[in-house]
N, C-alpha and C. Protein backbone atom coordinates (compact mmCIF):
# COMPACT_ATOMS: atom_id res chain seq x y z
N MET A 1 148.56 101.30 10.26
CA MET A 1 147.84 102.49 10.69
C MET A 1 148.75 103.68 10.45
N PRO A 2 148.26 104.66 9.71
CA PRO A 2 149.08 105.84 9.42
C PRO A 2 149.40 106.60 10.70
N GLN A 3 150.45 107.37 10.61
CA GLN A 3 150.97 108.13 11.75
C GLN A 3 149.93 109.11 12.31
N ILE A 4 149.20 109.75 11.46
CA ILE A 4 148.22 110.75 11.91
C ILE A 4 147.12 110.11 12.74
N TYR A 5 146.71 108.90 12.39
CA TYR A 5 145.69 108.22 13.17
C TYR A 5 146.22 107.82 14.53
N LYS A 6 147.49 107.43 14.57
CA LYS A 6 148.11 107.08 15.85
C LYS A 6 148.13 108.28 16.79
N VAL A 7 148.46 109.44 16.27
CA VAL A 7 148.51 110.65 17.08
C VAL A 7 147.11 111.00 17.60
N ARG A 8 146.13 110.91 16.70
CA ARG A 8 144.76 111.21 17.13
C ARG A 8 144.30 110.20 18.18
N TYR A 9 144.66 108.94 17.98
CA TYR A 9 144.29 107.89 18.92
C TYR A 9 144.92 108.17 20.28
N LEU A 10 146.21 108.54 20.26
CA LEU A 10 146.91 108.86 21.50
C LEU A 10 146.32 110.09 22.17
N MET A 11 145.97 111.09 21.38
CA MET A 11 145.38 112.31 21.93
C MET A 11 144.03 112.00 22.57
N SER A 12 143.27 111.15 21.93
CA SER A 12 141.96 110.76 22.46
C SER A 12 142.15 110.02 23.79
N ASP A 13 143.11 109.12 23.82
CA ASP A 13 143.41 108.39 25.06
C ASP A 13 143.87 109.34 26.15
N LEU A 14 144.71 110.30 25.79
CA LEU A 14 145.21 111.26 26.77
C LEU A 14 144.08 112.11 27.33
N LYS A 15 143.16 112.54 26.45
CA LYS A 15 142.03 113.34 26.92
C LYS A 15 141.17 112.53 27.90
N GLN A 16 140.95 111.28 27.57
CA GLN A 16 140.16 110.43 28.46
C GLN A 16 140.89 110.23 29.80
N LEU A 17 142.19 110.05 29.71
CA LEU A 17 142.99 109.85 30.91
C LEU A 17 142.98 111.10 31.79
N VAL A 18 143.11 112.26 31.16
CA VAL A 18 143.08 113.53 31.90
C VAL A 18 141.70 113.71 32.54
N ALA A 19 140.65 113.41 31.80
CA ALA A 19 139.29 113.54 32.34
C ALA A 19 139.10 112.60 33.52
N LEU A 20 139.60 111.38 33.39
CA LEU A 20 139.50 110.41 34.47
C LEU A 20 140.28 110.87 35.70
N LEU A 21 141.49 111.37 35.47
CA LEU A 21 142.30 111.88 36.58
C LEU A 21 141.62 113.07 37.25
N ASP A 22 141.00 113.92 36.45
CA ASP A 22 140.29 115.07 37.00
C ASP A 22 139.12 114.62 37.88
N GLU A 23 138.37 113.64 37.41
CA GLU A 23 137.26 113.11 38.21
C GLU A 23 137.76 112.53 39.53
N LYS A 24 138.84 111.77 39.44
CA LYS A 24 139.39 111.16 40.65
C LYS A 24 139.92 112.21 41.62
N ALA A 25 140.53 113.26 41.09
CA ALA A 25 141.03 114.35 41.94
C ALA A 25 139.88 115.03 42.67
N ILE A 26 138.79 115.26 41.96
CA ILE A 26 137.61 115.89 42.57
C ILE A 26 137.04 114.97 43.66
N ALA A 27 136.96 113.69 43.35
CA ALA A 27 136.45 112.73 44.34
C ALA A 27 137.35 112.68 45.57
N LEU A 28 138.66 112.70 45.35
CA LEU A 28 139.61 112.68 46.47
C LEU A 28 139.49 113.95 47.32
N GLN A 29 139.28 115.08 46.67
CA GLN A 29 139.11 116.33 47.42
C GLN A 29 137.86 116.26 48.30
N ALA A 30 136.80 115.73 47.75
CA ALA A 30 135.55 115.60 48.52
C ALA A 30 135.75 114.64 49.69
N GLN A 31 136.42 113.54 49.42
CA GLN A 31 136.68 112.56 50.48
C GLN A 31 137.58 113.17 51.56
N PHE A 32 138.58 113.92 51.14
CA PHE A 32 139.49 114.59 52.08
C PHE A 32 138.71 115.56 52.97
N GLN A 33 137.81 116.33 52.37
CA GLN A 33 137.01 117.30 53.14
C GLN A 33 136.12 116.57 54.14
N ASN A 34 135.51 115.47 53.71
CA ASN A 34 134.66 114.69 54.62
C ASN A 34 135.47 114.14 55.79
N LEU A 35 136.66 113.63 55.49
CA LEU A 35 137.51 113.10 56.55
C LEU A 35 137.98 114.20 57.50
N ARG A 36 138.25 115.36 56.96
CA ARG A 36 138.67 116.49 57.80
C ARG A 36 137.54 116.88 58.76
N GLU A 37 136.30 116.94 58.24
CA GLU A 37 135.15 117.28 59.07
C GLU A 37 134.92 116.22 60.15
N GLU A 38 135.05 114.95 59.75
CA GLU A 38 134.88 113.86 60.71
C GLU A 38 135.96 113.94 61.79
N ASN A 39 137.18 114.26 61.38
CA ASN A 39 138.29 114.39 62.32
C ASN A 39 138.01 115.51 63.33
N ASP A 40 137.51 116.63 62.85
CA ASP A 40 137.17 117.75 63.73
C ASP A 40 136.10 117.35 64.75
N LYS A 41 135.08 116.62 64.27
CA LYS A 41 134.02 116.16 65.17
C LYS A 41 134.59 115.20 66.22
N LEU A 42 135.48 114.32 65.80
CA LEU A 42 136.08 113.37 66.73
C LEU A 42 136.95 114.08 67.76
N LYS A 43 137.66 115.11 67.33
CA LYS A 43 138.47 115.89 68.28
C LYS A 43 137.57 116.56 69.32
N GLN A 44 136.44 117.08 68.87
CA GLN A 44 135.50 117.72 69.79
C GLN A 44 134.94 116.69 70.78
N THR A 45 134.63 115.51 70.27
CA THR A 45 134.13 114.44 71.14
C THR A 45 135.18 114.06 72.17
N ILE A 46 136.43 113.99 71.76
CA ILE A 46 137.51 113.66 72.69
C ILE A 46 137.58 114.70 73.80
N GLU A 47 137.50 115.96 73.45
CA GLU A 47 137.56 117.03 74.46
C GLU A 47 136.38 116.92 75.43
N GLU A 48 135.19 116.65 74.89
CA GLU A 48 134.01 116.50 75.75
C GLU A 48 134.19 115.32 76.70
N LEU A 49 134.71 114.21 76.18
CA LEU A 49 134.92 113.03 77.02
C LEU A 49 135.99 113.28 78.07
N ARG A 50 137.02 114.03 77.72
CA ARG A 50 138.05 114.37 78.72
C ARG A 50 137.46 115.21 79.85
N SER A 51 136.62 116.16 79.49
CA SER A 51 135.97 116.99 80.51
C SER A 51 135.07 116.14 81.40
N GLU A 52 134.33 115.25 80.78
CA GLU A 52 133.45 114.36 81.54
C GLU A 52 134.26 113.46 82.46
N LYS A 53 135.39 112.96 81.96
CA LYS A 53 136.26 112.10 82.76
C LYS A 53 136.78 112.85 83.97
N THR A 54 137.21 114.10 83.78
CA THR A 54 137.71 114.91 84.88
C THR A 54 136.62 115.12 85.93
N ALA A 55 135.42 115.42 85.47
CA ALA A 55 134.30 115.62 86.40
C ALA A 55 134.00 114.34 87.17
N LEU A 56 134.02 113.21 86.47
CA LEU A 56 133.75 111.93 87.13
C LEU A 56 134.84 111.57 88.13
N GLN A 57 136.10 111.87 87.79
CA GLN A 57 137.19 111.60 88.73
C GLN A 57 137.04 112.45 89.99
N SER A 58 136.62 113.68 89.81
CA SER A 58 136.38 114.56 90.95
C SER A 58 135.25 114.00 91.83
N THR A 59 134.20 113.54 91.19
CA THR A 59 133.08 112.95 91.93
C THR A 59 133.53 111.71 92.69
N ILE A 60 134.34 110.88 92.05
CA ILE A 60 134.85 109.67 92.70
C ILE A 60 135.67 110.04 93.92
N THR A 61 136.54 111.03 93.79
CA THR A 61 137.37 111.46 94.92
C THR A 61 136.50 111.94 96.07
N THR A 62 135.51 112.76 95.75
CA THR A 62 134.60 113.27 96.79
C THR A 62 133.86 112.13 97.47
N LEU A 63 133.37 111.19 96.69
CA LEU A 63 132.63 110.06 97.26
C LEU A 63 133.53 109.17 98.12
N LYS A 64 134.78 109.00 97.71
CA LYS A 64 135.72 108.21 98.52
C LYS A 64 135.97 108.90 99.86
N GLU A 65 136.12 110.23 99.83
CA GLU A 65 136.33 110.98 101.07
C GLU A 65 135.11 110.86 101.98
N LYS A 66 133.92 110.98 101.41
CA LYS A 66 132.70 110.84 102.20
C LYS A 66 132.58 109.44 102.78
N ASN A 67 132.94 108.45 101.98
CA ASN A 67 132.89 107.06 102.43
C ASN A 67 133.83 106.85 103.61
N GLU A 68 135.03 107.38 103.51
CA GLU A 68 136.01 107.26 104.59
C GLU A 68 135.50 107.97 105.85
N THR A 69 134.92 109.15 105.67
CA THR A 69 134.36 109.89 106.81
C THR A 69 133.25 109.09 107.49
N LEU A 70 132.38 108.50 106.69
CA LEU A 70 131.30 107.68 107.25
C LEU A 70 131.85 106.45 107.96
N ALA A 71 132.88 105.84 107.39
CA ALA A 71 133.48 104.67 108.03
C ALA A 71 134.08 105.05 109.38
N ILE A 72 134.75 106.20 109.43
CA ILE A 72 135.33 106.67 110.70
C ILE A 72 134.21 106.95 111.71
N ALA A 73 133.16 107.62 111.25
CA ALA A 73 132.03 107.91 112.13
C ALA A 73 131.41 106.63 112.65
N ASN A 74 131.31 105.64 111.80
CA ASN A 74 130.78 104.34 112.20
C ASN A 74 131.65 103.71 113.28
N ARG A 75 132.95 103.79 113.10
CA ARG A 75 133.88 103.23 114.08
C ARG A 75 133.76 103.96 115.41
N ILE A 76 133.69 105.27 115.33
CA ILE A 76 133.61 106.07 116.55
C ILE A 76 132.31 105.79 117.30
N LEU A 77 131.25 105.55 116.57
CA LEU A 77 129.96 105.26 117.21
C LEU A 77 129.93 103.87 117.84
N GLY A 78 130.98 103.11 117.64
CA GLY A 78 131.09 101.84 118.35
C GLY A 78 130.56 100.65 117.60
N SER A 79 130.59 100.69 116.33
CA SER A 79 130.19 99.53 115.55
C SER A 79 131.05 98.35 116.00
N LYS A 80 130.42 97.24 116.37
CA LYS A 80 131.14 96.10 116.93
C LYS A 80 132.27 95.62 116.02
N GLU A 81 132.00 95.60 114.74
CA GLU A 81 132.99 95.07 113.80
C GLU A 81 134.19 95.98 113.63
N HIS A 82 134.08 97.24 114.05
CA HIS A 82 135.18 98.18 113.83
C HIS A 82 135.81 98.69 115.13
N LYS A 83 135.46 98.11 116.28
CA LYS A 83 136.00 98.60 117.54
C LYS A 83 137.52 98.51 117.57
N ARG A 84 138.06 97.39 117.16
CA ARG A 84 139.52 97.20 117.18
C ARG A 84 140.19 98.22 116.26
N GLU A 85 139.64 98.37 115.06
CA GLU A 85 140.19 99.35 114.11
C GLU A 85 140.14 100.75 114.69
N THR A 86 139.05 101.06 115.37
CA THR A 86 138.89 102.39 115.96
C THR A 86 139.95 102.63 117.02
N LYS A 87 140.15 101.63 117.89
CA LYS A 87 141.17 101.76 118.93
C LYS A 87 142.55 101.96 118.32
N LEU A 88 142.86 101.19 117.29
CA LEU A 88 144.16 101.33 116.63
C LEU A 88 144.31 102.70 116.00
N LYS A 89 143.26 103.19 115.38
CA LYS A 89 143.30 104.52 114.74
C LYS A 89 143.49 105.61 115.80
N ILE A 90 142.75 105.49 116.91
CA ILE A 90 142.90 106.49 117.98
C ILE A 90 144.31 106.45 118.54
N ASN A 91 144.84 105.25 118.76
CA ASN A 91 146.21 105.13 119.28
C ASN A 91 147.22 105.75 118.31
N ALA A 92 147.01 105.53 117.02
CA ALA A 92 147.91 106.11 116.02
C ALA A 92 147.82 107.63 116.05
N LEU A 93 146.61 108.16 116.18
CA LEU A 93 146.44 109.62 116.27
C LEU A 93 147.10 110.18 117.52
N ILE A 94 146.97 109.46 118.63
CA ILE A 94 147.62 109.91 119.88
C ILE A 94 149.13 109.93 119.71
N ARG A 95 149.68 108.91 119.07
CA ARG A 95 151.13 108.89 118.83
C ARG A 95 151.56 110.07 117.96
N GLU A 96 150.76 110.38 116.94
CA GLU A 96 151.07 111.53 116.09
C GLU A 96 151.03 112.83 116.89
N ILE A 97 150.03 112.95 117.74
CA ILE A 97 149.92 114.16 118.58
C ILE A 97 151.11 114.25 119.52
N ASP A 98 151.48 113.11 120.13
CA ASP A 98 152.64 113.10 121.03
C ASP A 98 153.91 113.51 120.29
N ALA A 99 154.07 113.01 119.07
CA ALA A 99 155.25 113.37 118.27
C ALA A 99 155.26 114.86 117.97
N CYS A 100 154.10 115.43 117.70
CA CYS A 100 154.02 116.87 117.44
C CYS A 100 154.37 117.67 118.69
N ILE A 101 153.89 117.21 119.84
CA ILE A 101 154.20 117.90 121.10
C ILE A 101 155.69 117.87 121.37
N VAL A 102 156.32 116.71 121.14
CA VAL A 102 157.77 116.58 121.34
C VAL A 102 158.50 117.56 120.43
N GLN A 103 158.09 117.65 119.18
CA GLN A 103 158.75 118.57 118.25
C GLN A 103 158.55 120.01 118.68
N LEU A 104 157.39 120.34 119.19
CA LEU A 104 157.12 121.71 119.63
C LEU A 104 157.93 122.07 120.88
N THR A 105 158.11 121.10 121.76
CA THR A 105 158.89 121.39 122.97
C THR A 105 160.37 121.51 122.68
N LYS A 106 160.84 120.89 121.61
CA LYS A 106 162.25 120.99 121.23
C LYS A 106 162.57 122.37 120.67
N GLN A 107 161.59 123.05 120.17
CA GLN A 107 161.83 124.35 119.54
C GLN A 107 161.93 125.35 120.58
């Protein structure tokens, strides 16, 4: 094969290779843009879920406090199953009050 045909053959191969690389670069750019958009959407979803989680944690805390208040009210009203617990709680509160009085009298 003469030298000139080899050069033309190589040039033809190079043109095809460049065209192929160009196509792949364009495809990669499109894929990159799609992934970037998906990433942005996922970040937004994460923020929304974090906000929802915070709201739910607040609700849980409020409900726990209400539950404890109702349990105390139940004990105070004399629920048979909680009489002993109520007496212990009242005694603990009295001890705390006594300790506060002692501290106040020391001042």
